[in-house]
């Protein structure tokens, strides 16, 4: 996957440089500074039967700041490349039934099928590089879409399992009870197992409300899970899916 991502970045960069030298000059380059708020989560798609319900979801401070360079190729079409520093995070509580987990209770590490409640926290700090085609509609609206790659700088995936029990190793294995107080519940933490590079697709719209200022809305859908394919401790692939509401200032 890393080789595929490297090829995509190389091709996208080559196209951007080629279009710069052949289709336009640097005088037509548009620069936008951005700030936004990420709203979304890291989730299996679709939600498996072993997750019976999502009992709560709370936002965490998930901001994005960055800069984009857009090169018009003609009056309508262009190509955009950016560099964004951002955080994507969430906190959830879910009720599970026979959900495979690997947890720690006291000084004992165990794995099996857990039925009960799970509090989960995900936090990811990253540098994201989008490369997108743009379509300008009129004087105020610009549509955009294309791939992105994110390089993670800091990552966290942790939580607790409580108010239930774990069948150790097999569906009929030893029943390990887990309460709702510290010392009674089990914990898990897979920070070091998370991917360092993520790849996905993004679409969005910019609306220029003033000569320099505008608002934007974007949706970024991860195509790679937050864990490598050979990581089996979490039974489903978890995809980062986030929308971003933001504002921008046109520097040039």
Protein backbone atom coordinates (compact mmCIF):
# COMPACT_ATOMS: atom_id res chain seq x y z
CA UNK A 1 0.00 0.00 0.00
CA UNK A 2 2.84 2.41 0.80
CA UNK A 3 4.25 1.81 -2.71
CA UNK A 4 0.84 2.58 -4.23
CA UNK A 5 0.60 5.78 -2.22
CA UNK A 6 4.12 6.79 -3.28
CA UNK A 7 3.21 6.21 -6.94
CA UNK A 8 0.05 8.32 -6.57
CA UNK A 9 1.97 11.17 -4.97
CA UNK A 10 4.61 10.98 -7.71
CA UNK A 11 2.02 11.00 -10.51
CA UNK A 12 0.00 13.79 -8.90
CA UNK A 13 3.12 15.90 -8.37
CA UNK A 14 4.24 15.31 -11.95
CA UNK A 15 0.84 16.36 -13.26
CA UNK A 16 0.89 19.46 -11.10
CA UNK A 17 4.38 20.48 -12.22
CA UNK A 18 3.59 19.66 -15.84
CA UNK A 19 0.42 21.72 -15.82
CA UNK A 20 2.32 24.60 -14.24
CA UNK A 21 4.86 24.72 -17.03
CA UNK A 22 2.55 23.96 -19.93
CA UNK A 23 -0.91 25.33 -19.20
CA UNK A 24 -0.38 28.44 -17.15
CA UNK A 25 2.11 30.68 -15.40
CA UNK A 26 2.70 31.29 -11.73
CA UNK A 27 0.84 34.58 -12.07
CA UNK A 28 -2.45 32.66 -12.27
CA UNK A 29 -1.73 30.55 -9.16
CA UNK A 30 -4.33 31.03 -6.39
CA UNK A 31 -3.37 30.59 -2.73
CA UNK A 32 -5.88 30.05 0.09
CA UNK A 33 -5.22 29.80 3.82
CA UNK A 34 -7.76 27.59 5.61
CA UNK A 35 -9.03 26.77 9.07
CA UNK A 36 -11.77 24.25 9.81
CA UNK A 37 -13.35 21.84 12.27
CA UNK A 38 -13.46 18.09 11.61
CA UNK A 39 -16.66 16.22 12.48
CA UNK A 40 -16.94 12.48 12.06
CA UNK A 41 -15.57 9.23 13.34
CA UNK A 42 -13.63 6.05 12.84
CA UNK A 43 -16.08 3.26 12.11
CA UNK A 44 -16.59 -0.15 10.50
CA UNK A 45 -18.69 -0.02 7.33
CA UNK A 46 -21.32 -1.36 7.66
CA UNK A 47 -21.79 -1.58 11.42
CA UNK A 48 -21.45 -5.29 12.37
CA UNK A 49 -24.07 -7.25 14.27
CA UNK A 50 -21.65 -7.66 17.18
CA UNK A 51 -22.04 -3.93 17.87
CA UNK A 52 -25.63 -3.79 19.06
CA UNK A 53 -25.89 -0.03 19.56
CA UNK A 54 -23.94 3.24 19.70
CA UNK A 55 -24.99 4.66 23.07
CA UNK A 56 -23.09 7.94 22.94
CA UNK A 57 -20.83 9.94 20.67
CA UNK A 58 -18.95 13.08 21.60
CA UNK A 59 -16.79 15.43 19.59
CA UNK A 60 -13.21 16.08 20.55
CA UNK A 61 -11.26 19.22 19.55
CA UNK A 62 -10.53 18.32 15.92
CA UNK A 63 -9.19 21.35 14.09
CA UNK A 64 -7.57 21.76 10.69
CA UNK A 65 -5.27 24.54 9.45
CA UNK A 66 -3.60 24.58 6.07
CA UNK A 67 -2.86 26.18 2.77
CA UNK A 68 -3.92 25.23 -0.77
CA UNK A 69 -2.48 26.22 -4.14
CA UNK A 70 -4.86 26.06 -7.12
CA UNK A 71 -3.66 26.40 -10.69
CA UNK A 72 -6.36 27.19 -13.32
CA UNK A 73 -5.93 25.17 -16.51
CA UNK A 74 -8.76 27.04 -18.27
CA UNK A 75 -11.66 29.26 -17.10
CA UNK A 76 -13.46 26.28 -15.53
CA UNK A 77 -10.98 23.55 -14.67
CA UNK A 78 -7.93 23.56 -12.46
CA UNK A 79 -5.75 21.43 -10.21
CA UNK A 80 -5.23 21.93 -6.48
CA UNK A 81 -2.57 20.72 -4.05
CA UNK A 82 -2.48 21.47 -0.34
CA UNK A 83 -0.79 20.89 2.99
CA UNK A 84 -3.06 20.58 6.05
CA UNK A 85 -2.18 20.05 9.71
CA UNK A 86 -5.15 18.47 11.43
CA UNK A 87 -6.55 16.36 14.23
CA UNK A 88 -9.26 13.73 13.83
CA UNK A 89 -10.74 12.35 17.02
CA UNK A 90 -13.84 10.98 18.72
CA UNK A 91 -15.16 9.38 21.90
CA UNK A 92 -17.91 6.76 21.78
CA UNK A 93 -19.75 4.32 24.02
CA UNK A 94 -21.13 1.15 22.42
CA UNK A 95 -22.97 -1.97 23.54
CA UNK A 96 -21.49 -5.18 22.13
CA UNK A 97 -22.45 -8.85 21.91
CA UNK A 98 -19.73 -11.47 21.34
CA UNK A 99 -17.33 -8.83 20.01
CA UNK A 100 -13.76 -10.07 19.66
CA UNK A 101 -11.33 -8.05 21.80
CA UNK A 102 -7.90 -8.21 23.36
CA UNK A 103 -7.84 -6.52 26.78
CA UNK A 104 -5.87 -6.18 29.99
CA UNK A 105 -7.47 -6.68 33.41
CA UNK A 106 -5.14 -6.11 36.33
CA UNK A 107 -1.85 -7.66 35.26
CA UNK A 108 -3.50 -10.27 33.02
CA UNK A 109 -3.73 -9.95 29.24
CA UNK A 110 -6.57 -11.90 27.62
CA UNK A 111 -8.52 -12.21 24.37
CA UNK A 112 -11.98 -13.47 23.53
CA UNK A 113 -15.58 -12.50 22.82
CA UNK A 114 -16.83 -9.59 24.92
CA UNK A 115 -20.48 -8.81 25.66
CA UNK A 116 -21.07 -5.53 27.46
CA UNK A 117 -20.22 -1.85 27.10
CA UNK A 118 -17.11 -0.30 25.57
CA UNK A 119 -15.84 3.27 25.93
CA UNK A 120 -13.48 4.10 23.10
CA UNK A 121 -11.21 7.05 22.34
CA UNK A 122 -9.51 7.73 19.00
CA UNK A 123 -7.14 10.63 18.39
CA UNK A 124 -4.98 11.22 15.32
CA UNK A 125 -2.68 14.18 14.59
CA UNK A 126 -1.51 14.27 10.99
CA UNK A 127 -0.20 16.14 7.98
CA UNK A 128 -2.56 15.70 5.03
CA UNK A 129 -1.70 16.33 1.38
CA UNK A 130 -4.77 16.58 -0.91
CA UNK A 131 -4.42 16.60 -4.70
CA UNK A 132 -7.71 17.52 -6.37
CA UNK A 133 -9.31 18.55 -9.63
CA UNK A 134 -11.35 21.75 -9.38
CA UNK A 135 -14.40 22.99 -11.29
CA UNK A 136 -15.31 26.67 -11.04
CA UNK A 137 -19.02 27.49 -11.32
CA UNK A 138 -19.63 31.19 -11.81
CA UNK A 139 -17.65 33.71 -9.80
CA UNK A 140 -18.26 32.33 -6.30
CA UNK A 141 -18.46 28.53 -6.28
CA UNK A 142 -15.67 26.01 -6.79
CA UNK A 143 -16.15 22.23 -6.60
CA UNK A 144 -13.17 19.99 -5.87
CA UNK A 145 -12.39 16.31 -5.55
CA UNK A 146 -9.52 13.85 -5.56
CA UNK A 147 -7.20 11.68 -3.45
CA UNK A 148 -5.36 12.56 -0.28
CA UNK A 149 -2.60 11.02 1.79
CA UNK A 150 -2.14 11.61 5.53
CA UNK A 151 1.08 11.14 7.49
CA UNK A 152 0.34 10.52 11.17
CA UNK A 153 2.44 12.41 13.72
CA UNK A 154 0.66 11.20 16.87
CA UNK A 155 -2.01 8.55 17.33
CA UNK A 156 -4.16 7.01 20.04
CA UNK A 157 -6.68 4.14 20.11
CA UNK A 158 -7.67 3.18 23.64
CA UNK A 159 -10.63 2.43 25.87
CA UNK A 160 -12.24 0.32 28.57
CA UNK A 161 -14.60 -2.69 28.55
CA UNK A 162 -17.10 -2.92 31.42
CA UNK A 163 -20.61 -3.92 32.54
CA UNK A 164 -20.31 -7.35 30.96
CA UNK A 165 -18.15 -10.40 30.53
CA UNK A 166 -15.53 -11.89 28.24
CA UNK A 167 -15.59 -15.48 27.03
CA UNK A 168 -11.89 -16.25 26.97
CA UNK A 169 -10.49 -17.52 23.66
CA UNK A 170 -13.69 -19.26 22.44
CA UNK A 171 -17.48 -18.69 22.61
CA UNK A 172 -17.66 -21.31 25.37
CA UNK A 173 -14.43 -20.36 27.13
CA UNK A 174 -14.00 -19.24 30.73
CA UNK A 175 -16.33 -16.36 31.65
CA UNK A 176 -14.42 -13.32 32.93
CA UNK A 177 -16.71 -10.76 34.58
CA UNK A 178 -16.05 -7.04 34.14
CA UNK A 179 -17.66 -4.40 36.35
CA UNK A 180 -18.14 -0.66 36.03
CA UNK A 181 -15.53 0.50 38.52
CA UNK A 182 -11.80 0.95 38.16
CA UNK A 183 -10.15 -2.33 39.01
CA UNK A 184 -13.21 -4.24 37.82
CA UNK A 185 -13.13 -3.20 34.18
CA UNK A 186 -10.57 -4.11 31.50
CA UNK A 187 -8.55 -1.73 29.33
CA UNK A 188 -7.07 -1.80 25.86
CA UNK A 189 -4.60 0.36 23.95
CA UNK A 190 -3.34 -0.14 20.39
CA UNK A 191 -1.54 3.15 19.67
CA UNK A 192 1.60 1.55 18.26
CA UNK A 193 -0.38 -0.78 15.99
CA UNK A 194 -2.05 2.03 14.01
CA UNK A 195 -0.99 2.92 10.49
CA UNK A 196 1.50 5.75 10.04
CA UNK A 197 0.12 6.57 6.57
CA UNK A 198 -3.54 6.77 5.49
CA UNK A 199 -5.02 7.16 2.03
CA UNK A 200 -8.48 8.26 0.93
CA UNK A 201 -10.70 10.40 -1.27
CA UNK A 202 -12.08 13.86 -0.62
CA UNK A 203 -14.76 16.04 -2.18
CA UNK A 204 -15.79 19.56 -1.27
CA UNK A 205 -17.01 22.99 -2.21
CA UNK A 206 -15.65 26.52 -1.68
CA UNK A 207 -18.04 29.46 -1.68
CA UNK A 208 -16.48 32.91 -1.99
CA UNK A 209 -18.68 35.25 0.05
CA UNK A 210 -16.32 38.22 -0.22
CA UNK A 211 -13.41 39.27 -2.38
CA UNK A 212 -10.99 37.54 0.00
CA UNK A 213 -13.09 35.50 2.44
CA UNK A 214 -15.17 32.38 1.92
CA UNK A 215 -16.64 29.28 3.55
CA UNK A 216 -16.08 25.64 2.69
CA UNK A 217 -17.48 22.16 3.28
CA UNK A 218 -15.53 18.96 2.66
CA UNK A 219 -15.96 15.20 3.11
CA UNK A 220 -12.89 12.97 3.46
CA UNK A 221 -13.43 9.22 3.29
CA UNK A 222 -10.57 6.94 4.26
CA UNK A 223 -10.00 3.98 1.94
CA UNK A 224 -7.45 2.36 4.23
CA UNK A 225 -8.36 1.32 7.75
CA UNK A 226 -6.55 2.90 10.68
CA UNK A 227 -4.89 -0.48 11.33
CA UNK A 228 -2.85 -2.57 8.84
CA UNK A 229 -4.60 -5.46 7.17
CA UNK A 230 -2.69 -8.07 9.21
CA UNK A 231 -3.84 -6.57 12.53
CA UNK A 232 -6.57 -8.95 13.75
CA UNK A 233 -7.07 -7.81 17.35
CA UNK A 234 -9.90 -5.52 16.25
CA UNK A 235 -12.12 -7.75 14.13
CA UNK A 236 -13.50 -5.14 11.69
CA UNK A 237 -11.67 -2.66 9.46
CA UNK A 238 -12.13 0.84 10.91
CA UNK A 239 -12.31 3.66 8.36
CA UNK A 240 -11.81 7.36 9.17
CA UNK A 241 -14.79 9.29 7.75
CA UNK A 242 -14.83 13.01 8.53
CA UNK A 243 -16.51 16.14 7.26
CA UNK A 244 -14.88 19.54 7.61
CA UNK A 245 -16.66 22.87 7.97
CA UNK A 246 -14.31 25.78 7.49
CA UNK A 247 -13.43 29.26 6.32
CA UNK A 248 -10.68 30.42 4.01
CA UNK A 249 -8.82 33.59 3.11
CA UNK A 250 -7.54 34.07 -0.41
CA UNK A 251 -3.92 35.19 -0.19
CA UNK A 252 -3.46 35.49 -3.94
